[in-house]
Amino acid sequence: VLEWIACSLDGGNKNVVADMLKIDVQDIQSLQRVLQKTRW
């Protein structure tokens, strides 16, 4: 699910998710980088 959020949603939808989770959208982008670097 986290992979879907970080890697499949577009920027606008990531903003919606970040607002819902009360986090910064950069946190989602950081998650995407971690997933990519660990080859997940």
PDB file of all heavy atoms in Angstrom:
ATOM      1  N   VAL A   1       0.840  -1.198   0.000  1.00  0.00           N
ATOM      2  CA  VAL A   1       0.000   0.000   0.000  1.00  0.00           C
ATOM      3  C   VAL A   1       0.873   1.246   0.000  1.00  0.00           C
ATOM      4  O   VAL A   1       0.631   2.200  -0.749  1.00  0.00           O
ATOM      5  CB  VAL A   1      -0.976  -0.007   1.199  1.00  0.00           C
ATOM      6  CG1 VAL A   1      -1.703   1.324   1.314  1.00  0.00           C
ATOM      7  CG2 VAL A   1      -1.966  -1.148   1.064  1.00  0.00           C
ATOM      8  N   LEU A   2       1.917   1.246   0.824  1.00  0.00           N
ATOM      9  CA  LEU A   2       2.836   2.384   0.851  1.00  0.00           C
ATOM     10  C   LEU A   2       3.523   2.566  -0.502  1.00  0.00           C
ATOM     11  O   LEU A   2       3.721   3.691  -0.956  1.00  0.00           O
ATOM     12  CB  LEU A   2       3.870   2.205   1.964  1.00  0.00           C
ATOM     13  CG  LEU A   2       3.325   2.337   3.382  1.00  0.00           C
ATOM     14  CD1 LEU A   2       4.378   1.898   4.390  1.00  0.00           C
ATOM     15  CD2 LEU A   2       2.847   3.750   3.665  1.00  0.00           C
ATOM     16  N   GLU A   3       3.870   1.463  -1.139  1.00  0.00           N
ATOM     17  CA  GLU A   3       4.469   1.530  -2.469  1.00  0.00           C
ATOM     18  C   GLU A   3       3.506   2.176  -3.457  1.00  0.00           C
ATOM     19  O   GLU A   3       3.890   3.030  -4.257  1.00  0.00           O
ATOM     20  CB  GLU A   3       4.836   0.131  -2.943  1.00  0.00           C
ATOM     21  CG  GLU A   3       5.371   0.086  -4.356  1.00  0.00           C
ATOM     22  CD  GLU A   3       5.512  -1.325  -4.890  1.00  0.00           C
ATOM     23  OE1 GLU A   3       5.373  -2.285  -4.127  1.00  0.00           O
ATOM     24  OE2 GLU A   3       5.750  -1.441  -6.101  1.00  0.00           O
ATOM     25  N   TRP A   4       2.242   1.792  -3.399  1.00  0.00           N
ATOM     26  CA  TRP A   4       1.227   2.373  -4.288  1.00  0.00           C
ATOM     27  C   TRP A   4       1.120   3.876  -4.056  1.00  0.00           C
ATOM     28  O   TRP A   4       1.106   4.659  -5.011  1.00  0.00           O
ATOM     29  CB  TRP A   4      -0.115   1.683  -4.064  1.00  0.00           C
ATOM     30  CG  TRP A   4      -1.278   2.387  -4.695  1.00  0.00           C
ATOM     31  CD1 TRP A   4      -1.508   2.549  -6.031  1.00  0.00           C
ATOM     32  CD2 TRP A   4      -2.353   3.032  -4.025  1.00  0.00           C
ATOM     33  NE1 TRP A   4      -2.675   3.251  -6.224  1.00  0.00           N
ATOM     34  CE2 TRP A   4      -3.207   3.560  -5.009  1.00  0.00           C
ATOM     35  CE3 TRP A   4      -2.677   3.205  -2.683  1.00  0.00           C
ATOM     36  CZ2 TRP A   4      -4.366   4.256  -4.694  1.00  0.00           C
ATOM     37  CZ3 TRP A   4      -3.840   3.894  -2.372  1.00  0.00           C
ATOM     38  CH2 TRP A   4      -4.664   4.412  -3.371  1.00  0.00           C
ATOM     39  N   ILE A   5       1.073   4.274  -2.792  1.00  0.00           N
ATOM     40  CA  ILE A   5       0.964   5.694  -2.469  1.00  0.00           C
ATOM     41  C   ILE A   5       2.177   6.451  -2.993  1.00  0.00           C
ATOM     42  O   ILE A   5       2.053   7.485  -3.650  1.00  0.00           O
ATOM     43  CB  ILE A   5       0.816   5.897  -0.940  1.00  0.00           C
ATOM     44  CG1 ILE A   5      -0.528   5.360  -0.464  1.00  0.00           C
ATOM     45  CG2 ILE A   5       0.986   7.372  -0.572  1.00  0.00           C
ATOM     46  CD1 ILE A   5      -0.650   5.250   1.045  1.00  0.00           C
ATOM     47  N   ALA A   6       3.371   5.941  -2.703  1.00  0.00           N
ATOM     48  CA  ALA A   6       4.601   6.660  -3.024  1.00  0.00           C
ATOM     49  C   ALA A   6       4.936   6.641  -4.513  1.00  0.00           C
ATOM     50  O   ALA A   6       5.469   7.619  -5.037  1.00  0.00           O
ATOM     51  CB  ALA A   6       5.762   6.071  -2.226  1.00  0.00           C
ATOM     52  N   CYS A   7       4.627   5.546  -5.180  1.00  0.00           N
ATOM     53  CA  CYS A   7       5.129   5.370  -6.547  1.00  0.00           C
ATOM     54  C   CYS A   7       4.067   5.449  -7.640  1.00  0.00           C
ATOM     55  O   CYS A   7       4.413   5.618  -8.810  1.00  0.00           O
ATOM     56  CB  CYS A   7       5.873   4.041  -6.645  1.00  0.00           C
ATOM     57  SG  CYS A   7       7.250   3.916  -5.489  1.00  0.00           S
ATOM     58  N   SER A   8       2.810   5.324  -7.293  1.00  0.00           N
ATOM     59  CA  SER A   8       1.782   5.278  -8.333  1.00  0.00           C
ATOM     60  C   SER A   8       0.890   6.514  -8.378  1.00  0.00           C
ATOM     61  O   SER A   8       0.347   6.839  -9.436  1.00  0.00           O
ATOM     62  CB  SER A   8       0.907   4.031  -8.162  1.00  0.00           C
ATOM     63  OG  SER A   8       1.685   2.876  -8.339  1.00  0.00           O
ATOM     64  N   LEU A   9       0.711   7.165  -7.256  1.00  0.00           N
ATOM     65  CA  LEU A   9      -0.166   8.338  -7.251  1.00  0.00           C
ATOM     66  C   LEU A   9       0.552   9.537  -7.854  1.00  0.00           C
ATOM     67  O   LEU A   9       1.760   9.700  -7.691  1.00  0.00           O
ATOM     68  CB  LEU A   9      -0.609   8.665  -5.822  1.00  0.00           C
ATOM     69  CG  LEU A   9      -1.501   7.646  -5.133  1.00  0.00           C
ATOM     70  CD1 LEU A   9      -1.841   8.119  -3.720  1.00  0.00           C
ATOM     71  CD2 LEU A   9      -2.770   7.394  -5.922  1.00  0.00           C
ATOM     72  N   ASP A  10      -0.218  10.394  -8.535  1.00  0.00           N
ATOM     73  CA  ASP A  10       0.381  11.611  -9.078  1.00  0.00           C
ATOM     74  C   ASP A  10       0.521  12.659  -7.969  1.00  0.00           C
ATOM     75  O   ASP A  10       0.072  12.456  -6.835  1.00  0.00           O
ATOM     76  CB  ASP A  10      -0.430  12.137 -10.262  1.00  0.00           C
ATOM     77  CG  ASP A  10      -1.834  12.591  -9.888  1.00  0.00           C
ATOM     78  OD1 ASP A  10      -2.108  12.851  -8.696  1.00  0.00           O
ATOM     79  OD2 ASP A  10      -2.675  12.695 -10.797  1.00  0.00           O
ATOM     80  N   GLY A  11       1.145  13.768  -8.303  1.00  0.00           N
ATOM     81  CA  GLY A  11       1.451  14.805  -7.315  1.00  0.00           C
ATOM     82  C   GLY A  11       0.246  15.340  -6.574  1.00  0.00           C
ATOM     83  O   GLY A  11       0.273  15.514  -5.354  1.00  0.00           O
ATOM     84  N   GLY A  12      -0.837  15.596  -7.296  1.00  0.00           N
ATOM     85  CA  GLY A  12      -2.041  16.119  -6.654  1.00  0.00           C
ATOM     86  C   GLY A  12      -2.641  15.137  -5.666  1.00  0.00           C
ATOM     87  O   GLY A  12      -3.068  15.517  -4.567  1.00  0.00           O
ATOM     88  N   ASN A  13      -2.662  13.874  -6.040  1.00  0.00           N
ATOM     89  CA  ASN A  13      -3.210  12.854  -5.145  1.00  0.00           C
ATOM     90  C   ASN A  13      -2.287  12.594  -3.960  1.00  0.00           C
ATOM     91  O   ASN A  13      -2.751  12.294  -2.863  1.00  0.00           O
ATOM     92  CB  ASN A  13      -3.497  11.567  -5.916  1.00  0.00           C
ATOM     93  CG  ASN A  13      -4.681  11.722  -6.841  1.00  0.00           C
ATOM     94  OD1 ASN A  13      -5.593  12.501  -6.575  1.00  0.00           O
ATOM     95  ND2 ASN A  13      -4.675  11.004  -7.938  1.00  0.00           N
ATOM     96  N   LYS A  14      -0.969  12.729  -4.176  1.00  0.00           N
ATOM     97  CA  LYS A  14      -0.032  12.623  -3.052  1.00  0.00           C
ATOM     98  C   LYS A  14      -0.286  13.744  -2.050  1.00  0.00           C
ATOM     99  O   LYS A  14      -0.185  13.541  -0.837  1.00  0.00           O
ATOM    100  CB  LYS A  14       1.411  12.647  -3.535  1.00  0.00           C
ATOM    101  CG  LYS A  14       1.857  11.347  -4.175  1.00  0.00           C
ATOM    102  CD  LYS A  14       3.305  11.424  -4.616  1.00  0.00           C
ATOM    103  CE  LYS A  14       3.683  10.147  -5.349  1.00  0.00           C
ATOM    104  NZ  LYS A  14       5.044  10.214  -5.900  1.00  0.00           N
ATOM    105  N   ASN A  15      -0.621  14.930  -2.560  1.00  0.00           N
ATOM    106  CA  ASN A  15      -0.949  16.048  -1.663  1.00  0.00           C
ATOM    107  C   ASN A  15      -2.183  15.745  -0.830  1.00  0.00           C
ATOM    108  O   ASN A  15      -2.234  16.054   0.361  1.00  0.00           O
ATOM    109  CB  ASN A  15      -1.152  17.347  -2.456  1.00  0.00           C
ATOM    110  CG  ASN A  15       0.143  17.924  -2.962  1.00  0.00           C
ATOM    111  OD1 ASN A  15       1.190  17.774  -2.343  1.00  0.00           O
ATOM    112  ND2 ASN A  15       0.080  18.592  -4.097  1.00  0.00           N
ATOM    113  N   VAL A  16      -3.189  15.131  -1.463  1.00  0.00           N
ATOM    114  CA  VAL A  16      -4.413  14.749  -0.748  1.00  0.00           C
ATOM    115  C   VAL A  16      -4.071  13.756   0.362  1.00  0.00           C
ATOM    116  O   VAL A  16      -4.530  13.891   1.503  1.00  0.00           O
ATOM    117  CB  VAL A  16      -5.460  14.138  -1.720  1.00  0.00           C
ATOM    118  CG1 VAL A  16      -6.622  13.512  -0.960  1.00  0.00           C
ATOM    119  CG2 VAL A  16      -5.949  15.189  -2.702  1.00  0.00           C
ATOM    120  N   VAL A  17      -3.236  12.771   0.036  1.00  0.00           N
ATOM    121  CA  VAL A  17      -2.841  11.756   1.018  1.00  0.00           C
ATOM    122  C   VAL A  17      -2.033  12.398   2.144  1.00  0.00           C
ATOM    123  O   VAL A  17      -2.268  12.116   3.322  1.00  0.00           O
ATOM    124  CB  VAL A  17      -2.041  10.613   0.349  1.00  0.00           C
ATOM    125  CG1 VAL A  17      -1.475   9.656   1.385  1.00  0.00           C
ATOM    126  CG2 VAL A  17      -2.926   9.869  -0.631  1.00  0.00           C
ATOM    127  N   ALA A  18      -1.102  13.266   1.796  1.00  0.00           N
ATOM    128  CA  ALA A  18      -0.285  13.933   2.817  1.00  0.00           C
ATOM    129  C   ALA A  18      -1.169  14.748   3.760  1.00  0.00           C
ATOM    130  O   ALA A  18      -0.984  14.705   4.988  1.00  0.00           O
ATOM    131  CB  ALA A  18       0.760  14.820   2.154  1.00  0.00           C
ATOM    132  N   ASP A  19      -2.125  15.475   3.206  1.00  0.00           N
ATOM    133  CA  ASP A  19      -3.053  16.248   4.048  1.00  0.00           C
ATOM    134  C   ASP A  19      -3.855  15.331   4.960  1.00  0.00           C
ATOM    135  O   ASP A  19      -4.029  15.618   6.145  1.00  0.00           O
ATOM    136  CB  ASP A  19      -4.013  17.082   3.185  1.00  0.00           C
ATOM    137  CG  ASP A  19      -3.326  18.245   2.501  1.00  0.00           C
ATOM    138  OD1 ASP A  19      -2.190  18.594   2.892  1.00  0.00           O
ATOM    139  OD2 ASP A  19      -3.920  18.790   1.541  1.00  0.00           O
ATOM    140  N   MET A  20      -4.323  14.211   4.414  1.00  0.00           N
ATOM    141  CA  MET A  20      -5.118  13.280   5.203  1.00  0.00           C
ATOM    142  C   MET A  20      -4.305  12.693   6.347  1.00  0.00           C
ATOM    143  O   MET A  20      -4.790  12.542   7.455  1.00  0.00           O
ATOM    144  CB  MET A  20      -5.651  12.160   4.296  1.00  0.00           C
ATOM    145  CG  MET A  20      -6.639  11.225   4.946  1.00  0.00           C
ATOM    146  SD  MET A  20      -6.169   9.505   5.273  1.00  0.00           S
ATOM    147  CE  MET A  20      -4.883   9.050   4.220  1.00  0.00           C
ATOM    148  N   LEU A  21      -3.029  12.377   6.068  1.00  0.00           N
ATOM    149  CA  LEU A  21      -2.160  11.785   7.085  1.00  0.00           C
ATOM    150  C   LEU A  21      -1.507  12.826   7.989  1.00  0.00           C
ATOM    151  O   LEU A  21      -0.813  12.473   8.939  1.00  0.00           O
ATOM    152  CB  LEU A  21      -1.055  10.958   6.405  1.00  0.00           C
ATOM    153  CG  LEU A  21      -1.519   9.722   5.642  1.00  0.00           C
ATOM    154  CD1 LEU A  21      -0.355   9.103   4.891  1.00  0.00           C
ATOM    155  CD2 LEU A  21      -2.142   8.718   6.596  1.00  0.00           C
ATOM    156  N   LYS A  22      -1.716  14.105   7.641  1.00  0.00           N
ATOM    157  CA  LYS A  22      -1.118  15.222   8.391  1.00  0.00           C
ATOM    158  C   LYS A  22       0.409  15.118   8.396  1.00  0.00           C
ATOM    159  O   LYS A  22       1.065  15.257   9.430  1.00  0.00           O
ATOM    160  CB  LYS A  22      -1.677  15.297   9.809  1.00  0.00           C
ATOM    161  CG  LYS A  22      -3.167  15.587   9.842  1.00  0.00           C
ATOM    162  CD  LYS A  22      -3.679  15.644  11.261  1.00  0.00           C
ATOM    163  CE  LYS A  22      -5.097  16.078  11.337  1.00  0.00           C
ATOM    164  NZ  LYS A  22      -6.118  15.245  10.872  1.00  0.00           N
ATOM    165  N   ILE A  23       0.938  14.840   7.191  1.00  0.00           N
ATOM    166  CA  ILE A  23       2.382  14.806   6.996  1.00  0.00           C
ATOM    167  C   ILE A  23       2.727  15.715   5.831  1.00  0.00           C
ATOM    168  O   ILE A  23       1.845  16.161   5.090  1.00  0.00           O
ATOM    169  CB  ILE A  23       2.911  13.377   6.714  1.00  0.00           C
ATOM    170  CG1 ILE A  23       2.301  12.805   5.425  1.00  0.00           C
ATOM    171  CG2 ILE A  23       2.644  12.453   7.903  1.00  0.00           C
ATOM    172  CD1 ILE A  23       2.909  11.485   4.972  1.00  0.00           C
ATOM    173  N   ASP A  24       4.005  15.965   5.648  1.00  0.00           N
ATOM    174  CA  ASP A  24       4.479  16.767   4.539  1.00  0.00           C
ATOM    175  C   ASP A  24       4.584  15.883   3.300  1.00  0.00           C
ATOM    176  O   ASP A  24       4.991  14.719   3.398  1.00  0.00           O
ATOM    177  CB  ASP A  24       5.854  17.351   4.898  1.00  0.00           C
ATOM    178  CG  ASP A  24       6.157  18.620   4.153  1.00  0.00           C
ATOM    179  OD1 ASP A  24       5.208  19.341   3.794  1.00  0.00           O
ATOM    180  OD2 ASP A  24       7.349  18.892   3.927  1.00  0.00           O
ATOM    181  N   VAL A  25       4.240  16.399   2.142  1.00  0.00           N
ATOM    182  CA  VAL A  25       4.303  15.602   0.920  1.00  0.00           C
ATOM    183  C   VAL A  25       5.739  15.139   0.657  1.00  0.00           C
ATOM    184  O   VAL A  25       5.954  14.085   0.045  1.00  0.00           O
ATOM    185  CB  VAL A  25       3.694  16.358  -0.283  1.00  0.00           C
ATOM    186  CG1 VAL A  25       4.603  17.472  -0.770  1.00  0.00           C
ATOM    187  CG2 VAL A  25       3.350  15.402  -1.410  1.00  0.00           C
ATOM    188  N   GLN A  26       6.728  15.871   1.148  1.00  0.00           N
ATOM    189  CA  GLN A  26       8.119  15.447   0.981  1.00  0.00           C
ATOM    190  C   GLN A  26       8.394  14.123   1.689  1.00  0.00           C
ATOM    191  O   GLN A  26       9.276  13.363   1.289  1.00  0.00           O
ATOM    192  CB  GLN A  26       9.098  16.527   1.493  1.00  0.00           C
ATOM    193  CG  GLN A  26       9.258  17.701   0.553  1.00  0.00           C
ATOM    194  CD  GLN A  26       8.123  18.721   0.688  1.00  0.00           C
ATOM    195  OE1 GLN A  26       7.380  18.724   1.665  1.00  0.00           O
ATOM    196  NE2 GLN A  26       7.985  19.578  -0.301  1.00  0.00           N
ATOM    197  N   ASP A  27       7.622  13.819   2.742  1.00  0.00           N
ATOM    198  CA  ASP A  27       7.772  12.529   3.419  1.00  0.00           C
ATOM    199  C   ASP A  27       7.400  11.383   2.484  1.00  0.00           C
ATOM    200  O   ASP A  27       8.038  10.325   2.502  1.00  0.00           O
ATOM    201  CB  ASP A  27       6.914  12.469   4.683  1.00  0.00           C
ATOM    202  CG  ASP A  27       7.363  13.455   5.750  1.00  0.00           C
ATOM    203  OD1 ASP A  27       8.552  13.849   5.733  1.00  0.00           O
ATOM    204  OD2 ASP A  27       6.532  13.839   6.581  1.00  0.00           O
ATOM    205  N   ILE A  28       6.380  11.595   1.674  1.00  0.00           N
ATOM    206  CA  ILE A  28       5.976  10.576   0.707  1.00  0.00           C
ATOM    207  C   ILE A  28       7.050  10.434  -0.371  1.00  0.00           C
ATOM    208  O   ILE A  28       7.387   9.319  -0.781  1.00  0.00           O
ATOM    209  CB  ILE A  28       4.600  10.899   0.091  1.00  0.00           C
ATOM    210  CG1 ILE A  28       3.515  10.866   1.177  1.00  0.00           C
ATOM    211  CG2 ILE A  28       4.265   9.933  -1.049  1.00  0.00           C
ATOM    212  CD1 ILE A  28       2.151  11.306   0.716  1.00  0.00           C
ATOM    213  N   GLN A  29       7.617  11.557  -0.791  1.00  0.00           N
ATOM    214  CA  GLN A  29       8.690  11.506  -1.782  1.00  0.00           C
ATOM    215  C   GLN A  29       9.931  10.814  -1.212  1.00  0.00           C
ATOM    216  O   GLN A  29      10.609  10.062  -1.922  1.00  0.00           O
ATOM    217  CB  GLN A  29       9.008  12.922  -2.268  1.00  0.00           C
ATOM    218  CG  GLN A  29       7.850  13.527  -3.050  1.00  0.00           C
ATOM    219  CD  GLN A  29       7.960  15.030  -3.223  1.00  0.00           C
ATOM    220  OE1 GLN A  29       8.734  15.699  -2.540  1.00  0.00           O
ATOM    221  NE2 GLN A  29       7.166  15.568  -4.140  1.00  0.00           N
ATOM    222  N   SER A  30      10.206  11.032   0.074  1.00  0.00           N
ATOM    223  CA  SER A  30      11.326  10.341   0.722  1.00  0.00           C
ATOM    224  C   SER A  30      11.079   8.838   0.751  1.00  0.00           C
ATOM    225  O   SER A  30      11.997   8.042   0.516  1.00  0.00           O
ATOM    226  CB  SER A  30      11.524  10.858   2.146  1.00  0.00           C
ATOM    227  OG  SER A  30      11.886  12.216   2.132  1.00  0.00           O
ATOM    228  N   LEU A  31       9.854   8.452   1.045  1.00  0.00           N
ATOM    229  CA  LEU A  31       9.498   7.033   1.040  1.00  0.00           C
ATOM    230  C   LEU A  31       9.727   6.432  -0.338  1.00  0.00           C
ATOM    231  O   LEU A  31      10.269   5.328  -0.469  1.00  0.00           O
ATOM    232  CB  LEU A  31       8.039   6.844   1.469  1.00  0.00           C
ATOM    233  CG  LEU A  31       7.476   5.432   1.340  1.00  0.00           C
ATOM    234  CD1 LEU A  31       8.225   4.465   2.251  1.00  0.00           C
ATOM    235  CD2 LEU A  31       5.988   5.431   1.650  1.00  0.00           C
ATOM    236  N   GLN A  32       9.352   7.160  -1.372  1.00  0.00           N
ATOM    237  CA  GLN A  32       9.550   6.678  -2.734  1.00  0.00           C
ATOM    238  C   GLN A  32      11.042   6.447  -3.004  1.00  0.00           C
ATOM    239  O   GLN A  32      11.423   5.416  -3.561  1.00  0.00           O
ATOM    240  CB  GLN A  32       8.983   7.668  -3.746  1.00  0.00           C
ATOM    241  CG  GLN A  32       9.113   7.206  -5.184  1.00  0.00           C
ATOM    242  CD  GLN A  32       8.488   8.181  -6.160  1.00  0.00           C
ATOM    243  OE1 GLN A  32       8.048   9.273  -5.797  1.00  0.00           O
ATOM    244  NE2 GLN A  32       8.451   7.801  -7.413  1.00  0.00           N
ATOM    245  N   ARG A  33      11.896   7.375  -2.583  1.00  0.00           N
ATOM    246  CA  ARG A  33      13.339   7.212  -2.786  1.00  0.00           C
ATOM    247  C   ARG A  33      13.868   6.004  -2.032  1.00  0.00           C
ATOM    248  O   ARG A  33      14.684   5.235  -2.547  1.00  0.00           O
ATOM    249  CB  ARG A  33      14.087   8.483  -2.357  1.00  0.00           C
ATOM    250  CG  ARG A  33      13.942   9.623  -3.356  1.00  0.00           C
ATOM    251  CD  ARG A  33      14.902  10.755  -3.062  1.00  0.00           C
ATOM    252  NE  ARG A  33      14.712  11.348  -1.743  1.00  0.00           N
ATOM    253  CZ  ARG A  33      13.808  12.278  -1.461  1.00  0.00           C
ATOM    254  NH1 ARG A  33      13.013  12.728  -2.412  1.00  0.00           N
ATOM    255  NH2 ARG A  33      13.702  12.776  -0.243  1.00  0.00           N
ATOM    256  N   VAL A  34      13.397   5.800  -0.806  1.00  0.00           N
ATOM    257  CA  VAL A  34      13.837   4.642  -0.022  1.00  0.00           C
ATOM    258  C   VAL A  34      13.433   3.348  -0.713  1.00  0.00           C
ATOM    259  O   VAL A  34      14.230   2.415  -0.836  1.00  0.00           O
ATOM    260  CB  VAL A  34      13.267   4.696   1.420  1.00  0.00           C
ATOM    261  CG1 VAL A  34      13.472   3.383   2.141  1.00  0.00           C
ATOM    262  CG2 VAL A  34      13.890   5.849   2.192  1.00  0.00           C
ATOM    263  N   LEU A  35      12.191   3.277  -1.167  1.00  0.00           N
ATOM    264  CA  LEU A  35      11.714   2.075  -1.846  1.00  0.00           C
ATOM    265  C   LEU A  35      12.519   1.804  -3.116  1.00  0.00           C
ATOM    266  O   LEU A  35      12.849   0.656  -3.416  1.00  0.00           O
ATOM    267  CB  LEU A  35      10.221   2.196  -2.168  1.00  0.00           C
ATOM    268  CG  LEU A  35       9.279   2.173  -0.969  1.00  0.00           C
ATOM    269  CD1 LEU A  35       7.867   2.540  -1.407  1.00  0.00           C
ATOM    270  CD2 LEU A  35       9.300   0.823  -0.288  1.00  0.00           C
ATOM    271  N   GLN A  36      12.845   2.857  -3.850  1.00  0.00           N
ATOM    272  CA  GLN A  36      13.619   2.685  -5.077  1.00  0.00           C
ATOM    273  C   GLN A  36      15.049   2.244  -4.772  1.00  0.00           C
ATOM    274  O   GLN A  36      15.602   1.393  -5.449  1.00  0.00           O
ATOM    275  CB  GLN A  36      13.616   3.967  -5.898  1.00  0.00           C
ATOM    276  CG  GLN A  36      12.267   4.237  -6.535  1.00  0.00           C
ATOM    277  CD  GLN A  36      12.155   5.602  -7.168  1.00  0.00           C
ATOM    278  OE1 GLN A  36      12.889   6.538  -6.819  1.00  0.00           O
ATOM    279  NE2 GLN A  36      11.218   5.744  -8.093  1.00  0.00           N
ATOM    280  N   LYS A  37      15.661   2.816  -3.735  1.00  0.00           N
ATOM    281  CA  LYS A  37      17.050   2.470  -3.396  1.00  0.00           C
ATOM    282  C   LYS A  37      17.166   1.059  -2.830  1.00  0.00           C
ATOM    283  O   LYS A  37      18.203   0.429  -2.958  1.00  0.00           O
ATOM    284  CB  LYS A  37      17.636   3.482  -2.428  1.00  0.00           C
ATOM    285  CG  LYS A  37      17.922   4.807  -3.084  1.00  0.00           C
ATOM    286  CD  LYS A  37      18.635   5.743  -2.160  1.00  0.00           C
ATOM    287  CE  LYS A  37      18.746   7.088  -2.806  1.00  0.00           C
ATOM    288  NZ  LYS A  37      20.049   7.404  -3.302  1.00  0.00           N
ATOM    289  N   THR A  38      16.109   0.587  -2.207  1.00  0.00           N
ATOM    290  CA  THR A  38      16.157  -0.779  -1.673  1.00  0.00           C
ATOM    291  C   THR A  38      15.655  -1.778  -2.707  1.00  0.00           C
ATOM    292  O   THR A  38      15.485  -2.947  -2.400  1.00  0.00           O
ATOM    293  CB  THR A  38      15.315  -0.893  -0.388  1.00  0.00           C
ATOM    294  OG1 THR A  38      13.966  -0.508  -0.673  1.00  0.00           O
ATOM    295  CG2 THR A  38      15.878  -0.031   0.718  1.00  0.00           C
ATOM    296  N   ARG A  39      15.405  -1.265  -3.890  1.00  0.00           N
ATOM    297  CA  ARG A  39      14.960  -2.078  -5.032  1.00  0.00           C
ATOM    298  C   ARG A  39      13.627  -2.778  -4.762  1.00  0.00           C
ATOM    299  O   ARG A  39      13.365  -3.836  -5.295  1.00  0.00           O
ATOM    300  CB  ARG A  39      16.017  -3.062  -5.459  1.00  0.00           C
ATOM    301  CG  ARG A  39      17.295  -2.397  -5.886  1.00  0.00           C
ATOM    302  CD  ARG A  39      18.226  -3.390  -6.544  1.00  0.00           C
ATOM    303  NE  ARG A  39      19.529  -2.820  -6.750  1.00  0.00           N
ATOM    304  CZ  ARG A  39      19.882  -2.084  -7.800  1.00  0.00           C
ATOM    305  NH1 ARG A  39      18.993  -1.796  -8.715  1.00  0.00           N
ATOM    306  NH2 ARG A  39      21.092  -1.629  -7.914  1.00  0.00           N
ATOM    307  N   TRP A  40      12.828  -2.203  -3.878  1.00  0.00           N
ATOM    308  CA  TRP A  40      11.496  -2.757  -3.647  1.00  0.00           C
ATOM    309  C   TRP A  40      10.622  -2.532  -4.869  1.00  0.00           C
ATOM    310  O   TRP A  40       9.784  -3.345  -5.214  1.00  0.00           O
ATOM    311  CB  TRP A  40      10.871  -2.144  -2.391  1.00  0.00           C
ATOM    312  CG  TRP A  40       9.496  -2.660  -2.156  1.00  0.00           C
ATOM    313  CD1 TRP A  40       8.322  -2.043  -2.427  1.00  0.00           C
ATOM    314  CD2 TRP A  40       9.131  -3.933  -1.620  1.00  0.00           C
ATOM    315  NE1 TRP A  40       7.255  -2.820  -2.107  1.00  0.00           N
ATOM    316  CE2 TRP A  40       7.721  -3.994  -1.607  1.00  0.00           C
ATOM    317  CE3 TRP A  40       9.845  -5.026  -1.160  1.00  0.00           C
ATOM    318  CZ2 TRP A  40       7.027  -5.111  -1.135  1.00  0.00           C
ATOM    319  CZ3 TRP A  40       9.140  -6.126  -0.700  1.00  0.00           C
ATOM    320  CH2 TRP A  40       7.757  -6.156  -0.691  1.00  0.00           C
TER     321      TRP A  40
END
